[in-house]
C-alpha atoms as a PDB file:
ATOM      1  CA  MET A   1       5.978  20.521 -12.322  1.00  0.00           C
ATOM      2  CA  GLU A   2       5.044  20.329 -15.948  1.00  0.00           C
ATOM      3  CA  PHE A   3       6.101  17.757 -18.580  1.00  0.00           C
ATOM      4  CA  VAL A   4       5.461  18.503 -22.261  1.00  0.00           C
ATOM      5  CA  ASP A   5       5.892  15.354 -24.469  1.00  0.00           C
ATOM      6  CA  PRO A   6       8.238  13.648 -22.002  1.00  0.00           C
ATOM      7  CA  LYS A   7      10.811  11.208 -23.471  1.00  0.00           C
ATOM      8  CA  ARG A   8       9.147   8.426 -21.422  1.00  0.00           C
ATOM      9  CA  CYS A   9       5.962   8.242 -19.465  1.00  0.00           C
ATOM     10  CA  VAL A  10       5.038   4.656 -18.162  1.00  0.00           C
ATOM     11  CA  ILE A  11       3.415   2.812 -15.274  1.00  0.00           C
ATOM     12  CA  GLY A  12       5.543  -0.061 -13.893  1.00  0.00           C
ATOM     13  CA  THR A  13       6.006  -2.228 -10.864  1.00  0.00           C
ATOM     14  CA  ILE A  14       8.633  -3.308  -8.483  1.00  0.00           C
ATOM     15  CA  GLY A  15       8.198  -6.704  -6.609  1.00  0.00           C
ATOM     16  CA  LEU A  16       6.500 -10.067  -6.940  1.00  0.00           C
ATOM     17  CA  PRO A  17       2.866 -10.400  -7.648  1.00  0.00           C
ATOM     18  CA  GLY A  18       0.837  -9.819  -4.491  1.00  0.00           C
ATOM     19  CA  GLU A  19       3.649  -7.684  -3.151  1.00  0.00           C
ATOM     20  CA  ARG A  20       4.181  -5.220  -6.049  1.00  0.00           C
ATOM     21  CA  THR A  21       4.570  -1.557  -5.728  1.00  0.00           C
ATOM     22  CA  PHE A  22       3.122   0.602  -8.569  1.00  0.00           C
ATOM     23  CA  TYR A  23       4.942   3.548 -10.010  1.00  0.00           C
ATOM     24  CA  TRP A  24       4.098   6.239 -12.577  1.00  0.00           C
ATOM     25  CA  GLN A  25       7.620   7.256 -14.063  1.00  0.00           C
ATOM     26  CA  ILE A  26       8.280  10.243 -16.016  1.00  0.00           C
ATOM     27  CA  THR A  27      11.496  10.947 -17.767  1.00  0.00           C
ATOM     28  CA  HIS A  28      12.369  14.190 -19.309  1.00  0.00           C
ATOM     29  CA  ASP A  29      15.596  15.969 -20.089  1.00  0.00           C
ATOM     30  CA  GLY A  30      17.719  13.394 -18.372  1.00  0.00           C
ATOM     31  CA  ALA A  31      15.850  13.488 -15.134  1.00  0.00           C
ATOM     32  CA  SER A  32      13.518  10.957 -13.936  1.00  0.00           C
ATOM     33  CA  LEU A  33      10.416  11.410 -11.588  1.00  0.00           C
ATOM     34  CA  SER A  34       8.891   8.359  -9.931  1.00  0.00           C
ATOM     35  CA  LEU A  35       5.442   8.600  -8.381  1.00  0.00           C
ATOM     36  CA  LYS A  36       4.004   5.922  -6.104  1.00  0.00           C
ATOM     37  CA  MET A  37       0.443   4.829  -6.945  1.00  0.00           C
ATOM     38  CA  GLU A  38      -2.227   2.247  -6.332  1.00  0.00           C
ATOM     39  CA  LYS A  39      -2.897  -0.562  -8.642  1.00  0.00           C
ATOM     40  CA  GLN A  40      -6.559   0.750  -8.840  1.00  0.00           C
ATOM     41  CA  GLN A  41      -5.325   4.051 -10.007  1.00  0.00           C
ATOM     42  CA  ALA A  42      -3.325   2.420 -12.735  1.00  0.00           C
ATOM     43  CA  ALA A  43      -6.381   0.606 -13.861  1.00  0.00           C
ATOM     44  CA  ILE A  44      -8.659   3.505 -13.710  1.00  0.00           C
ATOM     45  CA  ILE A  45      -6.301   5.928 -15.598  1.00  0.00           C
ATOM     46  CA  ALA A  46      -5.839   3.358 -18.403  1.00  0.00           C
ATOM     47  CA  ASP A  47      -9.676   2.858 -18.813  1.00  0.00           C
ATOM     48  CA  GLU A  48     -10.369   6.561 -18.529  1.00  0.00           C
ATOM     49  CA  LEU A  49      -7.852   7.497 -21.209  1.00  0.00           C
ATOM     50  CA  ASP A  50      -9.126   4.923 -23.609  1.00  0.00           C
ATOM     51  CA  ASP A  51     -12.728   5.966 -23.003  1.00  0.00           C
ATOM     52  CA  LEU A  52     -11.837   9.577 -23.608  1.00  0.00           C
ATOM     53  CA  LEU A  53     -10.125   8.904 -26.921  1.00  0.00           C
ATOM     54  CA  ASP A  54     -13.080   6.626 -27.897  1.00  0.00           C
ATOM     55  CA  GLU A  55     -15.617   9.264 -27.011  1.00  0.00           C
ATOM     56  CA  LEU A  56     -13.777  11.839 -29.068  1.00  0.00           C
ATOM     57  CA  ASP A  57     -13.362   9.270 -31.801  1.00  0.00           C
ATOM     58  CA  ILE A  58      -9.517   9.620 -31.726  1.00  0.00           C
ATOM     59  CA  ALA A  59      -7.383   6.718 -32.633  1.00  0.00           C
ATOM     60  CA  GLY A  60      -3.900   8.053 -32.897  1.00  0.00           C
ATOM     61  CA  ASP A  61      -1.491   7.023 -35.568  1.00  0.00           C
ATOM     62  CA  ASP A  62      -2.146   3.361 -35.728  1.00  0.00           C
ATOM     63  CA  GLY A  63      -5.545   2.937 -33.958  1.00  0.00           C
ATOM     64  CA  ARG A  64      -5.959   1.066 -30.726  1.00  0.00           C
ATOM     65  CA  VAL A  65      -2.832  -0.598 -29.458  1.00  0.00           C
ATOM     66  CA  THR A  66      -3.603  -4.328 -28.982  1.00  0.00           C
ATOM     67  CA  GLY A  67      -0.218  -5.882 -28.778  1.00  0.00           C
ATOM     68  CA  GLY A  68       3.498  -5.174 -29.207  1.00  0.00           C
ATOM     69  CA  LEU A  69       3.705  -2.323 -26.829  1.00  0.00           C
ATOM     70  CA  LYS A  70       6.569   0.105 -27.831  1.00  0.00           C
ATOM     71  CA  ASP A  71       7.939   0.574 -24.331  1.00  0.00           C
ATOM     72  CA  THR A  72       8.469  -2.651 -22.584  1.00  0.00           C
ATOM     73  CA  GLU A  73      11.540  -1.640 -20.727  1.00  0.00           C
ATOM     74  CA  PRO A  74      11.617  -1.900 -16.868  1.00  0.00           C
ATOM     75  CA  LEU A  75      11.475   1.286 -14.678  1.00  0.00           C
ATOM     76  CA  ILE A  76      14.575   3.264 -14.337  1.00  0.00           C
ATOM     77  CA  MET A  77      16.507   2.390 -11.331  1.00  0.00           C
ATOM     78  CA  PRO A  78      17.102   3.607  -8.392  1.00  0.00           C
ATOM     79  CA  ILE A  79      13.605   4.895  -7.770  1.00  0.00           C
ATOM     80  CA  ASP A  80      13.612   7.909  -5.588  1.00  0.00           C
ATOM     81  CA  GLU A  81       9.962   8.181  -4.560  1.00  0.00           C
ATOM     82  CA  GLU A  82       9.169  11.707  -3.330  1.00  0.00           C
ATOM     83  CA  TYR A  83       5.380  11.740  -3.828  1.00  0.00           C
ATOM     84  CA  ALA A  84       2.254   9.462  -4.090  1.00  0.00           C
ATOM     85  CA  VAL A  85      -0.431  10.144  -6.654  1.00  0.00           C
ATOM     86  CA  GLY A  86      -3.603  11.420  -4.967  1.00  0.00           C
ATOM     87  CA  GLY A  87      -6.204  12.795  -7.430  1.00  0.00           C
ATOM     88  CA  MET A  88      -5.928  12.415 -11.218  1.00  0.00           C
ATOM     89  CA  GLY A  89      -7.630  14.565 -13.955  1.00  0.00           C
ATOM     90  CA  ILE A  90      -7.765  14.219 -17.650  1.00  0.00           C
ATOM     91  CA  PHE A  91      -8.214  16.944 -20.149  1.00  0.00           C
ATOM     92  CA  VAL A  92      -7.979  17.697 -23.921  1.00  0.00           C
ATOM     93  CA  GLU A  93      -5.966  20.744 -24.614  1.00  0.00           C
ATOM     94  CA  ASP A  94      -4.427  22.102 -27.849  1.00  0.00           C
ATOM     95  CA  GLY A  95      -4.583  18.702 -29.595  1.00  0.00           C
ATOM     96  CA  ARG A  96      -2.969  16.845 -26.632  1.00  0.00           C
ATOM     97  CA  ILE A  97      -4.053  14.985 -23.624  1.00  0.00           C
ATOM     98  CA  ARG A  98      -3.311  16.774 -20.345  1.00  0.00           C
ATOM     99  CA  ILE A  99      -3.043  14.565 -17.379  1.00  0.00           C
ATOM    100  CA  GLU A 100      -3.112  16.250 -13.928  1.00  0.00           C
ATOM    101  CA  LEU A 101      -1.812  14.411 -10.897  1.00  0.00           C
ATOM    102  CA  SER A 102      -2.114  15.820  -7.498  1.00  0.00           C
ATOM    103  CA  MET A 103       0.821  14.750  -5.409  1.00  0.00           C
ATOM    104  CA  LEU A 104       0.667  13.714  -1.730  1.00  0.00           C
ATOM    105  CA  SER A 105       3.944  14.045   0.215  1.00  0.00           C
ATOM    106  CA  SER A 106       5.373  10.568   1.177  1.00  0.00           C
ATOM    107  CA  ASP A 107       6.796  12.418   4.338  1.00  0.00           C
ATOM    108  CA  ALA A 108       4.864  11.181   7.302  1.00  0.00           C
ATOM    109  CA  ASP A 109       5.057  14.511   8.998  1.00  0.00           C
ATOM    110  CA  SER A 110       3.433  16.308   6.087  1.00  0.00           C
ATOM    111  CA  ASP A 111      -0.378  16.595   6.192  1.00  0.00           C
ATOM    112  CA  LYS A 112      -0.444  19.177   3.280  1.00  0.00           C
ATOM    113  CA  GLN A 113      -1.021  18.355  -0.364  1.00  0.00           C
ATOM    114  CA  ALA A 114       1.932  19.025  -2.632  1.00  0.00           C
ATOM    115  CA  ASP A 115       2.085  20.562  -5.990  1.00  0.00           C
ATOM    116  CA  LEU A 116       0.357  19.488  -9.216  1.00  0.00           C
ATOM    117  CA  VAL A 117       2.286  17.314 -11.849  1.00  0.00           C
ATOM    118  CA  ILE A 118       0.887  18.051 -15.303  1.00  0.00           C
ATOM    119  CA  ILE A 119       1.834  15.729 -18.218  1.00  0.00           C
ATOM    120  CA  TYR A 120       0.983  16.723 -21.849  1.00  0.00           C
ATOM    121  CA  LEU A 121       1.050  13.637 -24.157  1.00  0.00           C
ATOM    122  CA  ALA A 122       0.415  13.365 -27.973  1.00  0.00           C
ATOM    123  CA  VAL A 123      -2.685  11.425 -28.785  1.00  0.00           C
ATOM    124  CA  ASN A 124      -0.776   8.659 -30.389  1.00  0.00           C
ATOM    125  CA  ARG A 125       1.268   8.068 -27.258  1.00  0.00           C
ATOM    126  CA  VAL A 126      -1.854   7.940 -25.059  1.00  0.00           C
ATOM    127  CA  ARG A 127      -3.130   4.608 -26.362  1.00  0.00           C
ATOM    128  CA  GLU A 128       0.431   3.093 -25.935  1.00  0.00           C
ATOM    129  CA  PHE A 129       0.510   4.466 -22.334  1.00  0.00           C
ATOM    130  CA  ALA A 130      -2.894   3.038 -21.544  1.00  0.00           C
ATOM    131  CA  ALA A 131      -2.193  -0.376 -22.965  1.00  0.00           C
ATOM    132  CA  ARG A 132       1.142  -0.791 -20.957  1.00  0.00           C
ATOM    133  CA  ALA A 133      -0.692   0.323 -17.795  1.00  0.00           C
ATOM    134  CA  ARG A 134      -3.451  -2.321 -18.512  1.00  0.00           C
ATOM    135  CA  ALA A 135      -0.735  -5.046 -19.097  1.00  0.00           C
ATOM    136  CA  VAL A 136       1.127  -4.088 -15.920  1.00  0.00           C
ATOM    137  CA  VAL A 137      -2.164  -4.283 -13.874  1.00  0.00           C
ATOM    138  CA  SER A 138      -3.089  -7.608 -15.446  1.00  0.00           C
ATOM    139  CA  ALA A 139       0.246  -9.126 -14.901  1.00  0.00           C
ATOM    140  CA  GLY A 140      -0.356  -9.761 -11.125  1.00  0.00           C
ATOM    141  CA  ARG A 141      -1.981 -12.566  -9.267  1.00  0.00           C
ATOM    142  CA  GLY A 142      -4.722 -14.357 -10.891  1.00  0.00           C
ATOM    143  CA  ASN A 143      -8.260 -14.357  -9.470  1.00  0.00           C
ATOM    144  CA  CYS A 144     -10.040 -17.405  -8.098  1.00  0.00           C
ATOM    145  CA  PRO A 145     -12.877 -18.281 -10.632  1.00  0.00           C
ATOM    146  CA  PHE A 146     -15.278 -19.150  -7.700  1.00  0.00           C
ATOM    147  CA  CYS A 147     -14.799 -16.266  -5.226  1.00  0.00           C
ATOM    148  CA  SER A 148     -12.917 -13.690  -7.297  1.00  0.00           C
ATOM    149  CA  LEU A 149     -10.254 -13.256  -4.651  1.00  0.00           C
ATOM    150  CA  PRO A 150      -6.565 -13.191  -5.670  1.00  0.00           C
ATOM    151  CA  ILE A 151      -4.838 -16.489  -5.572  1.00  0.00           C
ATOM    152  CA  GLU A 152      -1.521 -16.303  -3.879  1.00  0.00           C
ATOM    153  CA  ARG A 153       1.719 -18.050  -4.832  1.00  0.00           C
ATOM    154  CA  THR A 154       1.262 -20.527  -1.998  1.00  0.00           C
ATOM    155  CA  GLY A 155      -2.322 -21.411  -2.899  1.00  0.00           C
ATOM    156  CA  HIS A 156      -5.736 -20.068  -2.006  1.00  0.00           C
ATOM    157  CA  ILE A 157      -8.410 -21.349   0.497  1.00  0.00           C
ATOM    158  CA  CYS A 158     -11.655 -20.645  -1.193  1.00  0.00           C
ATOM    159  CA  ALA A 159     -14.698 -19.985   0.966  1.00  0.00           C
ATOM    160  CA  ARG A 160     -16.916 -20.921  -1.948  1.00  0.00           C
ATOM    161  CA  SER A 161     -15.376 -24.443  -2.346  1.00  0.00           C
ATOM    162  CA  ASN A 162     -15.997 -25.198   1.240  1.00  0.00           C
ATOM    163  CA  GLY A 163     -12.464 -24.377   2.434  1.00  0.00           C
ATOM    164  CA  TYR A 164     -10.582 -26.623  -0.086  1.00  0.00           C
ATOM    165  CA  ARG A 165      -7.242 -25.268  -1.155  1.00  0.00           C
ATOM    166  CA  ARG A 166      -6.966 -24.482  -4.785  1.00  0.00           C
END
């Protein structure tokens, strides 16, 4: 599947912090594709996209997006998850950023790797995409300042504080 300048390309979540499921959602020509992914994948793709643009000295229309994300809308429901994101690749092609996502079938009976999803984004949209992905990743549970493990809603028993609940 190939998406050239899709109408919407975002990473979002469903669920409460600590129980969230991450999705990469692409909307184009009235259709929506939702791809399940891991939190670490969302963080990595955001960092790698920003690093690539920094390395190429490309800022986009308004430089680095720091606040005021343009797309703050929730994911489009219902989510019909067909695939999970496996590998990811980033390329520069014809003045656009090309993102390749290898899809793994969510069907438990299928051991084979599915097709590739290719997304072409204009440079000015890449910073916006990365900023939203980073915001979504950081909106989860906070980490304990002593042991760096996530703090649950019910509290956290920290090994570094001799078992006291924080």
